[in-house]
């Protein structure tokens, strides 16, 4: 496991990767921060192709560009259901949103189960859990905080 810090406009992030790809991207202080990493892994500063790709992706994203979802090798750790939900998040187009209910209908699940899986997404921003909203369009449930969720959506909608 290798990690590095990334300085985003919305705060410092910890990126983590293994031999398969990026396993995590968390804002410092967010809920579930570095979940699954032990203290030694959190401090295993190194440069890997996956970490470099993630940093380039985040640079482009925060510059208002639309980097592709395949530009970073992703290897999130989770249950089979969580990985299905996280894959569905990658299909939400840049600048658009989906509701928990829409994702539940698409995946044959309940909105509550979808919300739980979305909330445990270990790869913030790149796997766009910020694009999931409540059925009335309100912003809910972002582990990185609602201010960041709002800022990410505004960036994507060109309102920054």
C-alpha atoms as a PDB file:
ATOM      1  CA  UNK A   1       0.000   0.000   0.000  1.00  0.00           C
ATOM      2  CA  UNK A   2       1.250   3.490  -0.831  1.00  0.00           C
ATOM      3  CA  UNK A   3      -0.214   6.859   0.078  1.00  0.00           C
ATOM      4  CA  UNK A   4       0.306  10.517  -0.684  1.00  0.00           C
ATOM      5  CA  UNK A   5      -1.335  13.790   0.226  1.00  0.00           C
ATOM      6  CA  UNK A   6      -3.106  15.878  -2.390  1.00  0.00           C
ATOM      7  CA  UNK A   7      -3.836  19.571  -1.828  1.00  0.00           C
ATOM      8  CA  UNK A   8      -7.259  20.265  -3.347  1.00  0.00           C
ATOM      9  CA  UNK A   9      -9.091  23.604  -3.414  1.00  0.00           C
ATOM     10  CA  UNK A  10     -11.529  22.022  -0.945  1.00  0.00           C
ATOM     11  CA  UNK A  11      -8.915  20.793   1.503  1.00  0.00           C
ATOM     12  CA  UNK A  12      -6.139  18.281   1.848  1.00  0.00           C
ATOM     13  CA  UNK A  13      -6.839  14.722   0.727  1.00  0.00           C
ATOM     14  CA  UNK A  14      -5.157  11.399   1.394  1.00  0.00           C
ATOM     15  CA  UNK A  15      -4.786   9.154  -1.651  1.00  0.00           C
ATOM     16  CA  UNK A  16      -4.045   5.430  -1.263  1.00  0.00           C
ATOM     17  CA  UNK A  17      -3.166   2.775  -3.820  1.00  0.00           C
ATOM     18  CA  UNK A  18      -2.096  -0.825  -4.019  1.00  0.00           C
ATOM     19  CA  UNK A  19      -0.669  -2.815  -6.924  1.00  0.00           C
ATOM     20  CA  UNK A  20      -4.104  -2.937  -8.619  1.00  0.00           C
ATOM     21  CA  UNK A  21      -4.920   0.773  -8.472  1.00  0.00           C
ATOM     22  CA  UNK A  22      -6.386   3.577  -6.383  1.00  0.00           C
ATOM     23  CA  UNK A  23      -8.040   2.230  -3.242  1.00  0.00           C
ATOM     24  CA  UNK A  24      -8.925   5.494  -1.540  1.00  0.00           C
ATOM     25  CA  UNK A  25      -9.235   9.268  -1.808  1.00  0.00           C
ATOM     26  CA  UNK A  26     -10.458  10.932   1.366  1.00  0.00           C
ATOM     27  CA  UNK A  27     -10.681  14.499   2.609  1.00  0.00           C
ATOM     28  CA  UNK A  28      -8.901  14.823   5.942  1.00  0.00           C
ATOM     29  CA  UNK A  29     -11.495  14.845   8.697  1.00  0.00           C
ATOM     30  CA  UNK A  30     -14.286  13.281   6.656  1.00  0.00           C
ATOM     31  CA  UNK A  31     -16.431  10.437   7.917  1.00  0.00           C
ATOM     32  CA  UNK A  32     -14.798   7.032   7.269  1.00  0.00           C
ATOM     33  CA  UNK A  33     -11.416   8.738   6.728  1.00  0.00           C
ATOM     34  CA  UNK A  34      -8.809   6.176   5.597  1.00  0.00           C
ATOM     35  CA  UNK A  35     -11.188   3.347   6.483  1.00  0.00           C
ATOM     36  CA  UNK A  36      -9.374   0.045   6.121  1.00  0.00           C
ATOM     37  CA  UNK A  37      -5.862   1.507   6.370  1.00  0.00           C
ATOM     38  CA  UNK A  38      -3.711   0.931   9.417  1.00  0.00           C
ATOM     39  CA  UNK A  39      -1.425   3.664  10.784  1.00  0.00           C
ATOM     40  CA  UNK A  40       1.610   2.341   8.914  1.00  0.00           C
ATOM     41  CA  UNK A  41      -0.318   2.388   5.624  1.00  0.00           C
ATOM     42  CA  UNK A  42      -1.582   5.938   6.263  1.00  0.00           C
ATOM     43  CA  UNK A  43       2.049   7.052   6.495  1.00  0.00           C
ATOM     44  CA  UNK A  44       3.481   4.952   3.649  1.00  0.00           C
ATOM     45  CA  UNK A  45       4.334   7.945   1.443  1.00  0.00           C
ATOM     46  CA  UNK A  46       5.349   6.784  -2.009  1.00  0.00           C
ATOM     47  CA  UNK A  47       4.859   7.590  -5.663  1.00  0.00           C
ATOM     48  CA  UNK A  48       3.073   4.965  -7.741  1.00  0.00           C
ATOM     49  CA  UNK A  49       1.508   5.100 -11.203  1.00  0.00           C
ATOM     50  CA  UNK A  50      -1.998   4.968  -9.673  1.00  0.00           C
ATOM     51  CA  UNK A  51      -1.274   7.816  -7.236  1.00  0.00           C
ATOM     52  CA  UNK A  52       0.267   9.914 -10.021  1.00  0.00           C
ATOM     53  CA  UNK A  53      -2.757   9.238 -12.254  1.00  0.00           C
ATOM     54  CA  UNK A  54      -5.143  10.200  -9.440  1.00  0.00           C
ATOM     55  CA  UNK A  55      -3.249  13.446  -8.769  1.00  0.00           C
ATOM     56  CA  UNK A  56      -3.334  14.345 -12.486  1.00  0.00           C
ATOM     57  CA  UNK A  57      -7.051  13.497 -12.611  1.00  0.00           C
ATOM     58  CA  UNK A  58      -7.804  15.702  -9.601  1.00  0.00           C
ATOM     59  CA  UNK A  59      -5.687  18.566 -11.039  1.00  0.00           C
ATOM     60  CA  UNK A  60      -7.685  18.431 -14.267  1.00  0.00           C
ATOM     61  CA  UNK A  61     -11.023  18.104 -12.461  1.00  0.00           C
ATOM     62  CA  UNK A  62     -10.431  21.068 -10.173  1.00  0.00           C
ATOM     63  CA  UNK A  63      -9.261  23.092 -13.199  1.00  0.00           C
ATOM     64  CA  UNK A  64     -12.772  22.650 -14.627  1.00  0.00           C
ATOM     65  CA  UNK A  65     -11.860  19.956 -17.121  1.00  0.00           C
ATOM     66  CA  UNK A  66     -13.690  16.650 -17.505  1.00  0.00           C
ATOM     67  CA  UNK A  67     -11.159  13.863 -17.000  1.00  0.00           C
ATOM     68  CA  UNK A  68     -12.356  10.394 -17.985  1.00  0.00           C
ATOM     69  CA  UNK A  69     -13.413   7.765 -15.504  1.00  0.00           C
ATOM     70  CA  UNK A  70     -10.933   5.332 -17.043  1.00  0.00           C
ATOM     71  CA  UNK A  71      -7.965   7.681 -16.592  1.00  0.00           C
ATOM     72  CA  UNK A  72      -7.270   6.285 -13.108  1.00  0.00           C
ATOM     73  CA  UNK A  73      -7.033   2.565 -12.326  1.00  0.00           C
ATOM     74  CA  UNK A  74      -9.583   2.063  -9.549  1.00  0.00           C
ATOM     75  CA  UNK A  75      -9.436  -0.702  -6.940  1.00  0.00           C
ATOM     76  CA  UNK A  76     -11.878   0.218  -4.153  1.00  0.00           C
ATOM     77  CA  UNK A  77     -12.268  -2.307  -1.353  1.00  0.00           C
ATOM     78  CA  UNK A  78     -15.823  -3.201  -0.462  1.00  0.00           C
ATOM     79  CA  UNK A  79     -18.545  -5.797  -0.667  1.00  0.00           C
ATOM     80  CA  UNK A  80     -19.845  -6.963  -4.034  1.00  0.00           C
ATOM     81  CA  UNK A  81     -22.966  -4.815  -3.517  1.00  0.00           C
ATOM     82  CA  UNK A  82     -20.935  -1.727  -2.610  1.00  0.00           C
ATOM     83  CA  UNK A  83     -18.772  -2.181  -5.718  1.00  0.00           C
ATOM     84  CA  UNK A  84     -21.938  -2.450  -7.869  1.00  0.00           C
ATOM     85  CA  UNK A  85     -23.203   0.829  -6.412  1.00  0.00           C
ATOM     86  CA  UNK A  86     -19.816   2.536  -6.866  1.00  0.00           C
ATOM     87  CA  UNK A  87     -19.751   1.361 -10.507  1.00  0.00           C
ATOM     88  CA  UNK A  88     -23.198   2.906 -10.985  1.00  0.00           C
ATOM     89  CA  UNK A  89     -21.858   6.188  -9.602  1.00  0.00           C
ATOM     90  CA  UNK A  90     -19.202   6.226 -12.330  1.00  0.00           C
ATOM     91  CA  UNK A  91     -21.993   6.154 -14.924  1.00  0.00           C
ATOM     92  CA  UNK A  92     -23.552   9.419 -13.680  1.00  0.00           C
ATOM     93  CA  UNK A  93     -22.469  12.041 -16.229  1.00  0.00           C
ATOM     94  CA  UNK A  94     -20.384  15.051 -15.219  1.00  0.00           C
ATOM     95  CA  UNK A  95     -22.641  17.906 -14.096  1.00  0.00           C
ATOM     96  CA  UNK A  96     -25.705  15.700 -13.588  1.00  0.00           C
ATOM     97  CA  UNK A  97     -27.251  14.140 -10.511  1.00  0.00           C
ATOM     98  CA  UNK A  98     -29.264  11.047  -9.669  1.00  0.00           C
ATOM     99  CA  UNK A  99     -31.430  10.369  -6.664  1.00  0.00           C
ATOM    100  CA  UNK A 100     -30.967   7.515  -4.234  1.00  0.00           C
ATOM    101  CA  UNK A 101     -34.335   6.212  -5.464  1.00  0.00           C
ATOM    102  CA  UNK A 102     -33.252   6.261  -9.117  1.00  0.00           C
ATOM    103  CA  UNK A 103     -30.114   4.290  -8.274  1.00  0.00           C
ATOM    104  CA  UNK A 104     -32.175   1.879  -6.152  1.00  0.00           C
ATOM    105  CA  UNK A 105     -34.557   1.218  -9.055  1.00  0.00           C
ATOM    106  CA  UNK A 106     -31.637   0.750 -11.446  1.00  0.00           C
ATOM    107  CA  UNK A 107     -29.880  -1.716  -9.133  1.00  0.00           C
ATOM    108  CA  UNK A 108     -32.965  -3.478  -7.741  1.00  0.00           C
ATOM    109  CA  UNK A 109     -32.372  -2.352  -4.185  1.00  0.00           C
ATOM    110  CA  UNK A 110     -33.733   0.065  -1.596  1.00  0.00           C
ATOM    111  CA  UNK A 111     -32.800   3.746  -1.363  1.00  0.00           C
ATOM    112  CA  UNK A 112     -31.542   3.136   2.195  1.00  0.00           C
ATOM    113  CA  UNK A 113     -29.153   0.370   1.067  1.00  0.00           C
ATOM    114  CA  UNK A 114     -27.954   2.580  -1.784  1.00  0.00           C
ATOM    115  CA  UNK A 115     -27.384   5.460   0.648  1.00  0.00           C
ATOM    116  CA  UNK A 116     -25.328   3.262   2.949  1.00  0.00           C
ATOM    117  CA  UNK A 117     -23.132   2.046   0.080  1.00  0.00           C
ATOM    118  CA  UNK A 118     -22.756   5.552  -1.377  1.00  0.00           C
ATOM    119  CA  UNK A 119     -21.750   6.864   2.050  1.00  0.00           C
ATOM    120  CA  UNK A 120     -18.951   4.310   2.302  1.00  0.00           C
ATOM    121  CA  UNK A 121     -17.457   5.114  -1.107  1.00  0.00           C
ATOM    122  CA  UNK A 122     -13.716   5.195  -0.395  1.00  0.00           C
ATOM    123  CA  UNK A 123     -12.759   7.192  -3.496  1.00  0.00           C
ATOM    124  CA  UNK A 124     -14.179  10.696  -3.062  1.00  0.00           C
ATOM    125  CA  UNK A 125     -14.587  12.978  -6.086  1.00  0.00           C
ATOM    126  CA  UNK A 126     -13.246  10.471  -8.666  1.00  0.00           C
ATOM    127  CA  UNK A 127     -16.082   8.037  -7.899  1.00  0.00           C
ATOM    128  CA  UNK A 128     -18.706  10.796  -7.861  1.00  0.00           C
ATOM    129  CA  UNK A 129     -20.880  10.069  -4.828  1.00  0.00           C
ATOM    130  CA  UNK A 130     -21.393  13.849  -4.626  1.00  0.00           C
ATOM    131  CA  UNK A 131     -23.742  13.502  -7.637  1.00  0.00           C
ATOM    132  CA  UNK A 132     -26.358  11.614  -5.600  1.00  0.00           C
ATOM    133  CA  UNK A 133     -29.139  13.739  -4.101  1.00  0.00           C
ATOM    134  CA  UNK A 134     -32.402  13.267  -2.228  1.00  0.00           C
ATOM    135  CA  UNK A 135     -35.639  12.663  -4.142  1.00  0.00           C
ATOM    136  CA  UNK A 136     -36.550  16.359  -3.816  1.00  0.00           C
ATOM    137  CA  UNK A 137     -33.156  17.419  -5.175  1.00  0.00           C
ATOM    138  CA  UNK A 138     -31.786  18.498  -1.797  1.00  0.00           C
ATOM    139  CA  UNK A 139     -28.215  17.787  -0.817  1.00  0.00           C
ATOM    140  CA  UNK A 140     -27.844  15.037   1.738  1.00  0.00           C
ATOM    141  CA  UNK A 141     -25.342  12.537   3.013  1.00  0.00           C
ATOM    142  CA  UNK A 142     -21.852  13.459   1.843  1.00  0.00           C
ATOM    143  CA  UNK A 143     -19.062  12.031   4.026  1.00  0.00           C
ATOM    144  CA  UNK A 144     -16.842  14.988   3.093  1.00  0.00           C
ATOM    145  CA  UNK A 145     -19.461  17.494   4.251  1.00  0.00           C
ATOM    146  CA  UNK A 146     -22.334  19.234   2.494  1.00  0.00           C
ATOM    147  CA  UNK A 147     -20.261  22.364   1.798  1.00  0.00           C
ATOM    148  CA  UNK A 148     -17.844  20.271  -0.260  1.00  0.00           C
ATOM    149  CA  UNK A 149     -20.696  18.457  -2.001  1.00  0.00           C
ATOM    150  CA  UNK A 150     -22.247  21.793  -2.958  1.00  0.00           C
ATOM    151  CA  UNK A 151     -18.873  23.110  -4.177  1.00  0.00           C
ATOM    152  CA  UNK A 152     -18.242  20.011  -6.320  1.00  0.00           C
ATOM    153  CA  UNK A 153     -21.675  20.241  -7.939  1.00  0.00           C
ATOM    154  CA  UNK A 154     -21.237  23.976  -8.542  1.00  0.00           C
ATOM    155  CA  UNK A 155     -17.838  23.349 -10.132  1.00  0.00           C
ATOM    156  CA  UNK A 156     -19.410  20.801 -12.484  1.00  0.00           C
ATOM    157  CA  UNK A 157     -22.250  23.135 -13.361  1.00  0.00           C
ATOM    158  CA  UNK A 158     -19.846  25.988 -14.123  1.00  0.00           C
ATOM    159  CA  UNK A 159     -20.984  28.142 -11.220  1.00  0.00           C
ATOM    160  CA  UNK A 160     -17.614  28.544  -9.543  1.00  0.00           C
END
